[in-house]
Protein backbone atom coordinates (compact mmCIF):
# COMPACT_ATOMS: atom_id res chain seq x y z
CA MET A 1 -16.94 -39.52 -55.19
CA GLY A 2 -13.97 -38.30 -53.57
CA ARG A 3 -13.60 -35.25 -51.09
CA SER A 4 -12.93 -32.04 -53.27
CA ARG A 5 -9.74 -30.63 -52.94
CA ARG A 6 -9.30 -27.02 -50.75
CA LYS A 7 -8.27 -24.20 -52.69
CA GLY A 8 -5.67 -21.61 -52.51
CA ARG A 9 -2.02 -22.05 -50.51
CA VAL A 10 -1.10 -23.83 -48.23
CA ILE A 11 0.95 -21.99 -45.48
CA ASP A 12 1.65 -22.51 -41.87
CA GLY A 13 2.28 -19.53 -39.96
CA ILE A 14 0.59 -16.73 -37.43
CA LEU A 15 -0.13 -13.13 -38.55
CA LEU A 16 -0.40 -10.35 -36.28
CA LEU A 17 -3.26 -7.86 -37.69
CA ASP A 18 -3.92 -4.95 -36.39
CA LYS A 19 -7.42 -4.84 -37.02
CA PRO A 20 -9.44 -1.55 -38.32
CA ALA A 21 -12.37 -0.15 -36.61
CA GLY A 22 -15.99 -0.63 -38.84
CA ILE A 23 -15.31 -4.37 -39.75
CA THR A 24 -15.67 -7.43 -37.71
CA SER A 25 -12.90 -10.01 -36.82
CA ASN A 26 -14.40 -12.56 -39.56
CA GLY A 27 -14.04 -9.39 -42.22
CA ALA A 28 -10.81 -8.97 -41.25
CA LEU A 29 -9.99 -12.61 -41.67
CA GLN A 30 -11.49 -13.44 -44.75
CA ARG A 31 -9.57 -9.84 -46.45
CA VAL A 32 -6.36 -11.32 -44.78
CA LYS A 33 -6.75 -14.98 -46.38
CA HIS A 34 -7.92 -13.32 -49.91
CA LEU A 35 -4.45 -11.71 -49.92
CA TYR A 36 -2.71 -14.41 -48.83
CA GLY A 37 -4.71 -16.69 -51.06
CA ALA A 38 -4.64 -19.36 -48.17
CA ALA A 39 -6.37 -22.59 -47.98
CA LYS A 40 -6.89 -22.68 -44.56
CA ALA A 41 -7.14 -19.42 -42.08
CA GLY A 42 -8.84 -18.83 -38.84
CA HIS A 43 -8.73 -16.03 -36.40
CA THR A 44 -7.82 -15.95 -32.43
CA GLY A 45 -10.72 -14.36 -30.61
CA SER A 46 -13.38 -11.81 -32.01
CA LEU A 47 -12.89 -8.14 -31.37
CA ASP A 48 -16.37 -6.14 -31.57
CA PRO A 49 -16.44 -3.80 -34.98
CA ILE A 50 -15.55 -0.29 -33.06
CA ALA A 51 -12.75 -2.05 -31.53
CA THR A 52 -9.01 -2.19 -33.11
CA GLY A 53 -5.69 -3.75 -32.11
CA VAL A 54 -3.86 -7.00 -32.10
CA LEU A 55 -5.71 -10.13 -33.59
CA PRO A 56 -3.68 -13.04 -34.47
CA ILE A 57 -4.52 -15.16 -37.60
CA CYS A 58 -3.59 -18.49 -38.04
CA PHE A 59 -2.93 -19.95 -41.01
CA GLY A 60 -2.51 -23.90 -41.82
CA GLU A 61 -0.70 -25.68 -39.10
CA ALA A 62 -1.37 -22.56 -36.68
CA THR A 63 -5.02 -23.22 -36.53
CA LYS A 64 -4.23 -25.92 -34.22
CA PHE A 65 -2.64 -24.14 -31.32
CA SER A 66 -5.40 -21.03 -31.87
CA GLN A 67 -7.21 -22.50 -29.02
CA PHE A 68 -3.78 -21.58 -26.50
CA LEU A 69 -4.29 -18.25 -27.80
CA LEU A 70 -7.96 -17.95 -27.45
CA ASP A 71 -7.24 -18.98 -23.79
CA ALA A 72 -4.34 -16.38 -22.78
CA ASP A 73 -4.65 -13.34 -20.83
CA LYS A 74 -5.30 -9.97 -23.22
CA GLY A 75 -4.89 -6.39 -22.50
CA TYR A 76 -7.11 -2.86 -23.78
CA ILE A 77 -7.05 0.53 -23.61
CA ALA A 78 -10.42 1.85 -23.20
CA THR A 79 -12.34 4.72 -23.65
CA ILE A 80 -15.58 5.03 -21.58
CA GLN A 81 -18.64 7.64 -21.79
CA PHE A 82 -20.46 8.05 -18.49
CA GLY A 83 -23.98 9.28 -17.94
CA VAL A 84 -25.13 7.29 -21.50
CA ARG A 85 -26.37 3.51 -21.31
CA THR A 86 -27.00 2.08 -24.74
CA THR A 87 -28.06 -1.31 -25.94
CA THR A 88 -24.80 -2.91 -26.64
CA GLY A 89 -23.00 -1.49 -24.17
CA ASP A 90 -20.89 0.25 -26.82
CA SER A 91 -21.38 3.20 -29.25
CA GLU A 92 -22.89 0.78 -31.80
CA GLY A 93 -26.33 0.37 -29.76
CA GLU A 94 -29.23 3.11 -29.09
CA ILE A 95 -29.22 5.10 -26.12
CA VAL A 96 -31.47 3.67 -23.84
CA GLN A 97 -31.06 5.91 -20.89
CA GLU A 98 -28.94 9.31 -19.79
CA LYS A 99 -28.11 10.56 -16.26
CA SER A 100 -26.21 13.14 -15.26
CA VAL A 101 -22.59 12.36 -13.95
CA PRO A 102 -21.20 13.20 -10.44
CA GLU A 103 -18.11 15.13 -9.96
CA LEU A 104 -15.62 12.48 -8.53
CA SER A 105 -12.70 13.38 -6.57
CA ASP A 106 -9.26 11.79 -7.84
CA GLU A 107 -9.44 9.34 -4.25
CA ALA A 108 -13.35 8.22 -5.16
CA VAL A 109 -12.47 7.51 -8.88
CA GLU A 110 -9.37 5.04 -7.46
CA SER A 111 -11.88 3.24 -5.19
CA TYR A 112 -14.29 2.79 -8.21
CA LEU A 113 -11.78 1.31 -9.52
CA ALA A 114 -10.18 -0.70 -6.80
CA SER A 115 -13.38 -2.53 -6.66
CA PHE A 116 -13.15 -4.03 -9.77
CA ARG A 117 -9.02 -5.29 -9.68
CA GLY A 118 -9.01 -9.15 -8.98
CA GLY A 119 -11.69 -11.65 -9.73
CA ILE A 120 -15.15 -10.60 -10.97
CA ASP A 121 -18.04 -11.87 -11.80
CA GLN A 122 -19.00 -10.43 -15.12
CA ILE A 123 -22.69 -11.38 -16.96
CA PRO A 124 -22.26 -11.14 -20.53
CA SER A 125 -24.01 -8.85 -22.71
CA MET A 126 -26.72 -10.04 -25.05
CA PHE A 127 -24.62 -8.94 -27.79
CA SER A 128 -21.82 -10.92 -27.04
CA ALA A 129 -20.50 -14.04 -29.52
CA ILE A 130 -21.21 -16.29 -26.58
CA LYS A 131 -23.47 -19.29 -28.28
CA LEU A 132 -26.88 -20.61 -27.06
CA ASN A 133 -28.03 -23.85 -29.14
CA GLY A 134 -25.53 -22.98 -31.40
CA GLN A 135 -26.98 -19.91 -32.14
CA PRO A 136 -24.59 -16.58 -31.08
CA LEU A 137 -26.42 -14.28 -28.70
CA TYR A 138 -26.03 -11.12 -30.53
CA LYS A 139 -28.58 -12.69 -33.05
CA LEU A 140 -31.08 -13.61 -30.74
CA ALA A 141 -30.60 -9.56 -29.18
CA ARG A 142 -30.74 -8.30 -33.02
CA GLN A 143 -34.50 -10.41 -33.06
CA GLY A 144 -35.60 -8.96 -29.61
CA ILE A 145 -35.21 -11.83 -27.65
CA GLU A 146 -33.25 -11.48 -24.13
CA VAL A 147 -32.30 -15.04 -22.39
CA GLU A 148 -30.65 -15.81 -19.03
CA ARG A 149 -26.86 -15.56 -19.01
CA LYS A 150 -25.04 -17.10 -16.10
CA SER A 151 -21.94 -15.08 -14.51
CA ARG A 152 -18.83 -15.64 -15.45
CA ARG A 153 -15.64 -15.77 -12.97
CA VAL A 154 -12.82 -13.62 -14.59
CA THR A 155 -9.51 -11.93 -13.57
CA ILE A 156 -8.71 -8.23 -13.56
CA MET A 157 -4.71 -8.24 -12.96
CA SER A 158 -4.49 -4.73 -13.72
CA LEU A 159 -6.96 -1.44 -14.00
CA THR A 160 -5.17 1.65 -14.38
CA LEU A 161 -6.68 5.00 -15.08
CA LEU A 162 -4.73 6.80 -17.77
CA GLU A 163 -6.58 10.18 -18.61
CA ARG A 164 -10.27 11.75 -17.64
CA THR A 165 -12.40 13.86 -17.97
CA HIS A 166 -15.36 14.86 -16.41
CA ASP A 167 -17.46 12.32 -18.04
CA GLN A 168 -14.79 10.11 -20.27
CA TRP A 169 -12.27 8.08 -18.71
CA VAL A 170 -9.35 6.42 -20.64
CA LEU A 171 -8.13 2.90 -18.95
CA ASP A 172 -5.77 0.44 -18.95
CA ILE A 173 -6.90 -2.94 -18.72
CA SER A 174 -4.90 -6.39 -18.10
CA CYS A 175 -7.46 -9.17 -17.76
CA THR A 176 -7.98 -12.77 -18.06
CA LYS A 177 -9.76 -14.60 -20.87
CA GLY A 178 -13.49 -14.16 -21.59
CA THR A 179 -13.66 -10.38 -20.01
CA TYR A 180 -16.59 -8.07 -21.48
CA VAL A 181 -14.49 -4.60 -21.50
CA ARG A 182 -18.30 -3.43 -22.69
CA THR A 183 -19.65 -5.09 -19.19
CA LEU A 184 -16.74 -3.75 -17.09
CA ALA A 185 -17.69 -0.34 -18.41
CA GLU A 186 -21.38 -0.71 -17.61
CA ASP A 187 -20.35 -2.32 -14.11
CA ILE A 188 -18.54 1.01 -13.06
CA GLY A 189 -21.27 3.17 -14.53
CA GLU A 190 -23.82 1.34 -12.40
CA LEU A 191 -21.80 1.32 -9.38
CA ILE A 192 -21.60 4.96 -9.80
CA GLY A 193 -24.82 5.94 -10.56
CA CYS A 194 -24.82 7.10 -14.01
CA GLY A 195 -24.38 4.63 -16.52
CA ALA A 196 -21.95 3.85 -18.93
CA HIS A 197 -20.88 2.47 -22.12
CA VAL A 198 -17.36 1.91 -24.35
CA ILE A 199 -16.81 4.90 -27.30
CA GLY A 200 -13.23 3.01 -27.93
CA LEU A 201 -11.29 -0.23 -27.23
CA ARG A 202 -7.78 -1.44 -28.91
CA ARG A 203 -6.80 -4.42 -27.78
CA ARG A 204 -2.72 -3.98 -27.39
CA GLN A 205 -2.11 -7.20 -25.97
CA ALA A 206 -2.98 -10.99 -27.29
CA GLY A 207 -0.60 -13.84 -24.99
CA PRO A 208 2.51 -12.78 -25.99
CA PHE A 209 2.06 -10.80 -29.00
CA GLY A 210 2.03 -6.82 -28.84
CA ILE A 211 0.36 -4.16 -30.82
CA GLU A 212 3.98 -2.85 -31.89
CA GLN A 213 4.38 -6.41 -33.88
CA THR A 214 1.24 -6.09 -35.73
CA CYS A 215 0.83 -5.36 -39.10
CA SER A 216 -2.46 -3.11 -40.50
CA LEU A 217 -4.65 -4.13 -43.76
CA SER A 218 -3.24 -1.39 -45.66
CA SER A 219 0.11 -2.17 -45.34
CA LEU A 220 -0.20 -5.71 -46.42
CA GLU A 221 -1.90 -4.42 -49.71
CA GLY A 222 1.38 -2.36 -49.94
CA ILE A 223 3.20 -4.94 -49.52
CA LYS A 224 1.23 -7.66 -51.92
CA ALA A 225 1.27 -5.19 -54.60
CA GLU A 226 5.24 -4.83 -54.81
CA ASN A 227 6.22 -7.87 -53.71
CA GLY A 228 3.50 -10.58 -54.09
CA GLU A 229 2.63 -13.00 -51.61
CA ILE A 230 6.17 -14.06 -51.12
CA GLY A 231 6.30 -10.42 -49.35
CA LEU A 232 3.22 -11.26 -47.66
CA ASP A 233 4.78 -14.81 -46.37
CA GLN A 234 7.70 -12.67 -44.71
CA ALA A 235 5.44 -11.10 -42.25
CA LEU A 236 4.38 -14.48 -40.73
CA LEU A 237 5.64 -15.47 -37.54
CA PRO A 238 6.04 -19.58 -36.90
CA VAL A 239 3.78 -21.87 -35.39
CA SER A 240 5.49 -21.95 -32.22
CA ALA A 241 4.90 -18.04 -31.98
CA ALA A 242 1.34 -19.29 -30.44
CA VAL A 243 3.07 -20.91 -27.58
CA ALA A 244 6.31 -18.63 -26.95
CA ASP A 245 5.40 -17.63 -23.34
CA TYR A 246 5.44 -21.63 -22.44
CA PRO A 247 8.41 -23.05 -20.89
CA VAL A 248 10.83 -25.09 -23.45
CA ILE A 249 11.30 -28.57 -23.42
CA GLU A 250 13.82 -30.21 -25.90
CA MET A 251 13.91 -33.90 -26.53
CA THR A 252 16.32 -35.93 -28.60
CA ALA A 253 14.89 -37.09 -31.52
CA LEU A 254 14.35 -40.76 -30.33
CA THR A 255 12.36 -39.31 -27.56
CA ALA A 256 10.49 -36.96 -29.32
CA SER A 257 9.32 -39.91 -32.25
CA TYR A 258 7.71 -41.41 -29.33
CA PHE A 259 6.32 -38.39 -28.40
CA VAL A 260 4.90 -37.63 -31.80
CA GLN A 261 3.28 -41.10 -31.74
CA GLY A 262 1.15 -39.88 -28.83
CA GLN A 263 3.08 -41.28 -25.89
CA PRO A 264 3.69 -39.96 -22.74
CA VAL A 265 7.78 -39.42 -22.53
CA GLN A 266 9.90 -38.93 -19.78
CA ILE A 267 12.50 -35.99 -19.36
CA ALA A 268 15.03 -36.10 -16.84
CA GLY A 269 14.93 -32.89 -14.76
CA VAL A 270 11.69 -31.62 -15.43
CA LYS A 271 10.80 -29.53 -12.84
CA ASN A 272 7.94 -27.40 -14.79
CA GLU A 273 4.12 -28.14 -14.28
CA GLY A 274 1.27 -27.58 -16.87
CA LEU A 275 1.93 -26.83 -20.57
CA VAL A 276 4.82 -26.73 -22.17
CA SER A 277 6.18 -26.47 -25.72
CA VAL A 278 8.21 -29.09 -26.83
CA TYR A 279 11.47 -28.80 -29.53
CA SER A 280 12.87 -32.11 -31.32
CA GLU A 281 16.61 -31.63 -31.46
CA THR A 282 18.06 -32.33 -34.79
CA ILE A 283 21.91 -31.91 -36.23
CA GLU A 284 21.24 -28.24 -37.47
CA GLU A 285 18.30 -26.80 -34.95
CA LYS A 286 15.70 -27.35 -32.98
CA VAL A 287 12.39 -28.47 -34.56
CA PHE A 288 8.98 -27.39 -32.94
CA VAL A 289 6.85 -30.38 -32.75
CA GLY A 290 3.63 -29.21 -30.23
CA VAL A 291 2.19 -28.60 -27.06
CA GLY A 292 3.08 -31.23 -23.82
CA GLU A 293 1.60 -31.13 -20.61
CA ILE A 294 4.09 -32.53 -17.48
CA LEU A 295 2.22 -34.81 -15.67
CA ASP A 296 1.93 -35.66 -11.80
CA ASP A 297 4.59 -38.75 -12.52
CA GLY A 298 7.05 -36.24 -14.50
CA LYS A 299 6.19 -37.42 -17.82
CA ILE A 300 5.18 -34.86 -20.66
CA ALA A 301 2.36 -36.17 -22.57
CA PRO A 302 1.31 -34.80 -26.01
CA ARG A 303 -1.40 -32.71 -26.24
CA ARG A 304 -1.53 -30.93 -29.52
CA LEU A 305 1.02 -32.03 -32.24
CA ILE A 306 2.43 -30.32 -35.72
CA ALA A 307 1.99 -32.06 -38.60
CA THR A 308 5.71 -33.45 -39.93
CA SER A 309 6.65 -34.64 -43.18
């Protein structure tokens, strides 16, 4: 028997969803996929159920480029409660310890924050989505199983105090991929000596995308009710938006024809290094063809290509 055809519309593009609190990232993905009637869709990096904010959802060809968004830097606004530790590091967990919170001067707070700027090592929470032998750690944790986790090196580019009370801080965080804000909160609380956990988390930035570009689930539902799926499609960004912050390389149609066949190509005057966003010149417009990597010999090798008709 032949392989069954995938159900749903073939759509290519990226939706920037403002994920609401109270649902998982996969739950949000499934609701969006259903709204669009899409055949293929995936999100680019989980947000905890308590978290809100930027959740890029890739449709069709855009799913090929989701890894570039997963690898991108992130930005968060986090509210941290001091004096209480929980099993999960956030407000969804059970309280395991309560301690009094010391009085801290502004200078002391800044000193603590300075300790976590730059490169730091984190041991991921047992309630993270990291997989061990194909099993997410949080599933093991819910069974009462704890396993050893290797520390990870991450970078906190900026860590700014926006406001604070005696036992709560609101922090603006810019960090590299793989940074666990819950772990950061717990580590700050441990350094102070009173424990801490996250009670509010909003992702304000994911790679090139900011919170001001997002759509809510309710607004999408309203658009569909009024204008149908065609109205929803107008909310999509092009596939190339996934790498909008990469240097751009333009190729002639002839050179691009070799590139899309998997061949490294030579482009005169290339001075960049690393990954680039590649476009093919046509009579009417530039066409995005994929992501390439500049090699040591100056050639550009294809790393991820978009399907072309």
